[in-house]
Amino acid sequence: MLEIGGTATGTLIGERELVAKIEQKALQLSALLRELDNHPVVLDSGLREELDDVLDQVGCRIAATRALEKGAEPQAAI
């Protein structure tokens, strides 16, 4: 079981639930970005920079998590 913050008491969830929760959030983010792709809006430069920063942060977070997960995998015997 893992404790996930974000609530006053935290939440204990299993690994399968954790992956399901991440998948759900990823699908929501993907749908929002697809909507933006399909119906582009002109953002002022400040909002465009803010969106770029958010997307960069998400990309960095994904890369960091992947690296940590790869490091946590059992190494095959050579």
N, C-alpha and C. Protein backbone atom coordinates (compact mmCIF):
# COMPACT_ATOMS: atom_id res chain seq x y z
N MET A 1 0.84 -1.18 0.00
CA MET A 1 0.00 0.00 0.00
C MET A 1 0.89 1.24 0.00
N LEU A 2 0.43 2.27 -0.69
CA LEU A 2 1.14 3.52 -0.79
C LEU A 2 0.29 4.63 -0.23
N GLU A 3 0.91 5.60 0.43
CA GLU A 3 0.17 6.75 0.92
C GLU A 3 0.31 7.86 -0.10
N ILE A 4 -0.80 8.34 -0.57
CA ILE A 4 -0.83 9.41 -1.55
C ILE A 4 -1.31 10.67 -0.84
N GLY A 5 -0.52 11.72 -0.91
CA GLY A 5 -0.88 12.98 -0.27
C GLY A 5 -1.97 13.69 -1.05
N GLY A 6 -2.22 14.92 -0.66
CA GLY A 6 -3.22 15.71 -1.35
C GLY A 6 -4.53 15.81 -0.60
N THR A 7 -4.65 15.04 0.47
CA THR A 7 -5.83 15.17 1.31
C THR A 7 -5.35 15.42 2.72
N ALA A 8 -6.26 15.83 3.56
CA ALA A 8 -5.88 16.14 4.94
C ALA A 8 -5.31 14.91 5.66
N THR A 9 -5.87 13.75 5.36
CA THR A 9 -5.43 12.55 6.05
C THR A 9 -4.55 11.65 5.19
N GLY A 10 -4.42 11.98 3.91
CA GLY A 10 -3.70 11.10 3.00
C GLY A 10 -4.59 9.92 2.67
N THR A 11 -4.22 9.16 1.68
CA THR A 11 -5.03 8.03 1.25
C THR A 11 -4.13 6.85 1.00
N LEU A 12 -4.49 5.70 1.53
CA LEU A 12 -3.73 4.50 1.26
C LEU A 12 -4.36 3.79 0.06
N ILE A 13 -3.55 3.56 -0.96
CA ILE A 13 -4.05 2.85 -2.13
C ILE A 13 -3.03 1.81 -2.56
N GLY A 14 -3.51 0.79 -3.21
CA GLY A 14 -2.64 -0.25 -3.72
C GLY A 14 -1.99 0.17 -5.03
N GLU A 15 -1.01 -0.62 -5.46
CA GLU A 15 -0.29 -0.28 -6.68
C GLU A 15 -1.21 -0.25 -7.90
N ARG A 16 -2.13 -1.20 -8.00
CA ARG A 16 -3.05 -1.24 -9.14
C ARG A 16 -3.92 0.02 -9.16
N GLU A 17 -4.38 0.45 -7.99
CA GLU A 17 -5.19 1.65 -7.91
C GLU A 17 -4.37 2.89 -8.27
N LEU A 18 -3.10 2.90 -7.88
CA LEU A 18 -2.22 4.01 -8.21
C LEU A 18 -2.07 4.13 -9.72
N VAL A 19 -1.80 3.01 -10.39
CA VAL A 19 -1.65 3.03 -11.84
C VAL A 19 -2.96 3.46 -12.50
N ALA A 20 -4.08 2.97 -12.00
CA ALA A 20 -5.39 3.34 -12.56
C ALA A 20 -5.64 4.83 -12.40
N LYS A 21 -5.28 5.38 -11.26
CA LYS A 21 -5.48 6.80 -11.01
C LYS A 21 -4.61 7.64 -11.94
N ILE A 22 -3.35 7.24 -12.12
CA ILE A 22 -2.46 7.96 -13.03
C ILE A 22 -2.99 7.87 -14.46
N GLU A 23 -3.46 6.68 -14.85
CA GLU A 23 -4.01 6.51 -16.20
C GLU A 23 -5.22 7.43 -16.41
N GLN A 24 -6.10 7.50 -15.41
CA GLN A 24 -7.29 8.35 -15.51
C GLN A 24 -6.90 9.81 -15.70
N LYS A 25 -5.95 10.27 -14.90
CA LYS A 25 -5.51 11.67 -15.00
C LYS A 25 -4.82 11.92 -16.34
N ALA A 26 -4.03 10.96 -16.81
CA ALA A 26 -3.35 11.10 -18.09
C ALA A 26 -4.36 11.20 -19.23
N LEU A 27 -5.41 10.39 -19.17
CA LEU A 27 -6.44 10.44 -20.21
C LEU A 27 -7.17 11.78 -20.19
N GLN A 28 -7.41 12.33 -19.00
CA GLN A 28 -8.06 13.63 -18.89
C GLN A 28 -7.17 14.72 -19.48
N LEU A 29 -5.88 14.68 -19.15
CA LEU A 29 -4.94 15.66 -19.69
C LEU A 29 -4.84 15.53 -21.20
N SER A 30 -4.77 14.30 -21.69
CA SER A 30 -4.69 14.07 -23.13
C SER A 30 -5.92 14.63 -23.84
N ALA A 31 -7.09 14.43 -23.26
CA ALA A 31 -8.33 14.94 -23.86
C ALA A 31 -8.34 16.46 -23.91
N LEU A 32 -7.85 17.09 -22.84
CA LEU A 32 -7.79 18.56 -22.83
C LEU A 32 -6.82 19.08 -23.89
N LEU A 33 -5.67 18.43 -24.00
CA LEU A 33 -4.69 18.86 -24.99
C LEU A 33 -5.19 18.59 -26.41
N ARG A 34 -5.89 17.48 -26.62
CA ARG A 34 -6.47 17.19 -27.93
C ARG A 34 -7.50 18.25 -28.29
N GLU A 35 -8.31 18.66 -27.32
CA GLU A 35 -9.29 19.72 -27.55
C GLU A 35 -8.60 21.00 -27.99
N LEU A 36 -7.49 21.34 -27.34
CA LEU A 36 -6.73 22.53 -27.70
C LEU A 36 -6.14 22.37 -29.11
N ASP A 37 -5.69 21.17 -29.45
CA ASP A 37 -5.16 20.92 -30.79
C ASP A 37 -6.25 21.06 -31.85
N ASN A 38 -7.41 20.52 -31.56
CA ASN A 38 -8.51 20.52 -32.53
C ASN A 38 -9.21 21.87 -32.66
N HIS A 39 -9.17 22.65 -31.60
CA HIS A 39 -9.82 23.96 -31.61
C HIS A 39 -8.84 24.99 -31.03
N PRO A 40 -7.81 25.32 -31.83
CA PRO A 40 -6.79 26.24 -31.31
C PRO A 40 -7.38 27.59 -30.90
N VAL A 41 -6.83 28.12 -29.85
CA VAL A 41 -7.22 29.45 -29.39
C VAL A 41 -5.96 30.31 -29.35
N VAL A 42 -6.14 31.56 -29.53
CA VAL A 42 -5.02 32.49 -29.46
C VAL A 42 -4.88 32.91 -28.01
N LEU A 43 -3.76 32.55 -27.42
CA LEU A 43 -3.49 32.92 -26.03
C LEU A 43 -2.56 34.11 -26.02
N ASP A 44 -2.76 35.01 -25.05
CA ASP A 44 -1.80 36.10 -24.96
C ASP A 44 -0.45 35.51 -24.55
N SER A 45 0.59 36.26 -24.74
CA SER A 45 1.94 35.72 -24.55
C SER A 45 2.18 35.22 -23.13
N GLY A 46 1.59 35.87 -22.13
CA GLY A 46 1.76 35.43 -20.75
C GLY A 46 1.13 34.06 -20.51
N LEU A 47 -0.08 33.86 -21.03
CA LEU A 47 -0.75 32.56 -20.88
C LEU A 47 -0.04 31.49 -21.69
N ARG A 48 0.45 31.83 -22.88
CA ARG A 48 1.18 30.87 -23.71
C ARG A 48 2.44 30.40 -22.97
N GLU A 49 3.17 31.33 -22.36
CA GLU A 49 4.36 30.97 -21.58
C GLU A 49 3.98 30.09 -20.39
N GLU A 50 2.87 30.43 -19.74
CA GLU A 50 2.42 29.63 -18.59
C GLU A 50 2.07 28.20 -19.02
N LEU A 51 1.36 28.08 -20.15
CA LEU A 51 1.03 26.75 -20.67
C LEU A 51 2.29 25.99 -21.05
N ASP A 52 3.23 26.66 -21.70
CA ASP A 52 4.50 26.01 -22.06
C ASP A 52 5.23 25.53 -20.82
N ASP A 53 5.24 26.34 -19.77
CA ASP A 53 5.90 25.95 -18.51
C ASP A 53 5.23 24.72 -17.90
N VAL A 54 3.90 24.71 -17.91
CA VAL A 54 3.16 23.57 -17.35
C VAL A 54 3.48 22.30 -18.14
N LEU A 55 3.46 22.40 -19.47
CA LEU A 55 3.76 21.23 -20.30
C LEU A 55 5.20 20.75 -20.08
N ASP A 56 6.14 21.69 -19.93
CA ASP A 56 7.52 21.32 -19.63
C ASP A 56 7.62 20.60 -18.29
N GLN A 57 6.90 21.09 -17.29
CA GLN A 57 6.92 20.47 -15.98
C GLN A 57 6.35 19.06 -16.03
N VAL A 58 5.27 18.88 -16.77
CA VAL A 58 4.68 17.54 -16.90
C VAL A 58 5.67 16.61 -17.59
N GLY A 59 6.30 17.09 -18.66
CA GLY A 59 7.28 16.28 -19.37
C GLY A 59 8.45 15.90 -18.48
N CYS A 60 8.96 16.85 -17.71
CA CYS A 60 10.07 16.56 -16.79
C CYS A 60 9.65 15.57 -15.72
N ARG A 61 8.45 15.72 -15.19
CA ARG A 61 7.96 14.82 -14.15
C ARG A 61 7.82 13.40 -14.69
N ILE A 62 7.32 13.28 -15.92
CA ILE A 62 7.18 11.96 -16.53
C ILE A 62 8.56 11.33 -16.73
N ALA A 63 9.51 12.10 -17.24
CA ALA A 63 10.86 11.57 -17.46
C ALA A 63 11.51 11.15 -16.14
N ALA A 64 11.33 11.94 -15.10
CA ALA A 64 11.91 11.59 -13.80
C ALA A 64 11.29 10.33 -13.23
N THR A 65 9.98 10.21 -13.34
CA THR A 65 9.30 9.02 -12.83
C THR A 65 9.73 7.78 -13.59
N ARG A 66 9.84 7.89 -14.92
CA ARG A 66 10.30 6.76 -15.72
C ARG A 66 11.70 6.34 -15.31
N ALA A 67 12.58 7.31 -15.10
CA ALA A 67 13.95 6.99 -14.70
C ALA A 67 13.98 6.29 -13.35
N LEU A 68 13.17 6.78 -12.41
CA LEU A 68 13.12 6.14 -11.10
C LEU A 68 12.57 4.73 -11.18
N GLU A 69 11.52 4.56 -11.98
CA GLU A 69 10.92 3.23 -12.13
C GLU A 69 11.90 2.26 -12.78
N LYS A 70 12.64 2.71 -13.76
CA LYS A 70 13.64 1.84 -14.39
C LYS A 70 14.73 1.47 -13.42
N GLY A 71 15.09 2.39 -12.56
CA GLY A 71 16.12 2.12 -11.55
C GLY A 71 15.62 1.16 -10.48
N ALA A 72 14.30 1.11 -10.27
CA ALA A 72 13.72 0.25 -9.22
C ALA A 72 13.47 -1.16 -9.74
N GLU A 73 13.53 -1.36 -11.07
CA GLU A 73 13.29 -2.69 -11.61
C GLU A 73 14.44 -3.62 -11.24
N PRO A 74 14.12 -4.86 -10.95
CA PRO A 74 15.19 -5.82 -10.68
C PRO A 74 16.07 -5.98 -11.92
N GLN A 75 17.35 -5.99 -11.72
CA GLN A 75 18.30 -6.14 -12.84
C GLN A 75 18.43 -7.59 -13.20
N ALA A 76 18.43 -7.88 -14.49
CA ALA A 76 18.59 -9.25 -14.97
C ALA A 76 20.04 -9.67 -14.76
N ALA A 77 20.23 -10.93 -14.42
CA ALA A 77 21.59 -11.46 -14.26
C ALA A 77 22.26 -11.54 -15.62
N ILE A 78 23.50 -11.18 -15.65
CA ILE A 78 24.25 -11.21 -16.91
C ILE A 78 25.06 -12.48 -17.00
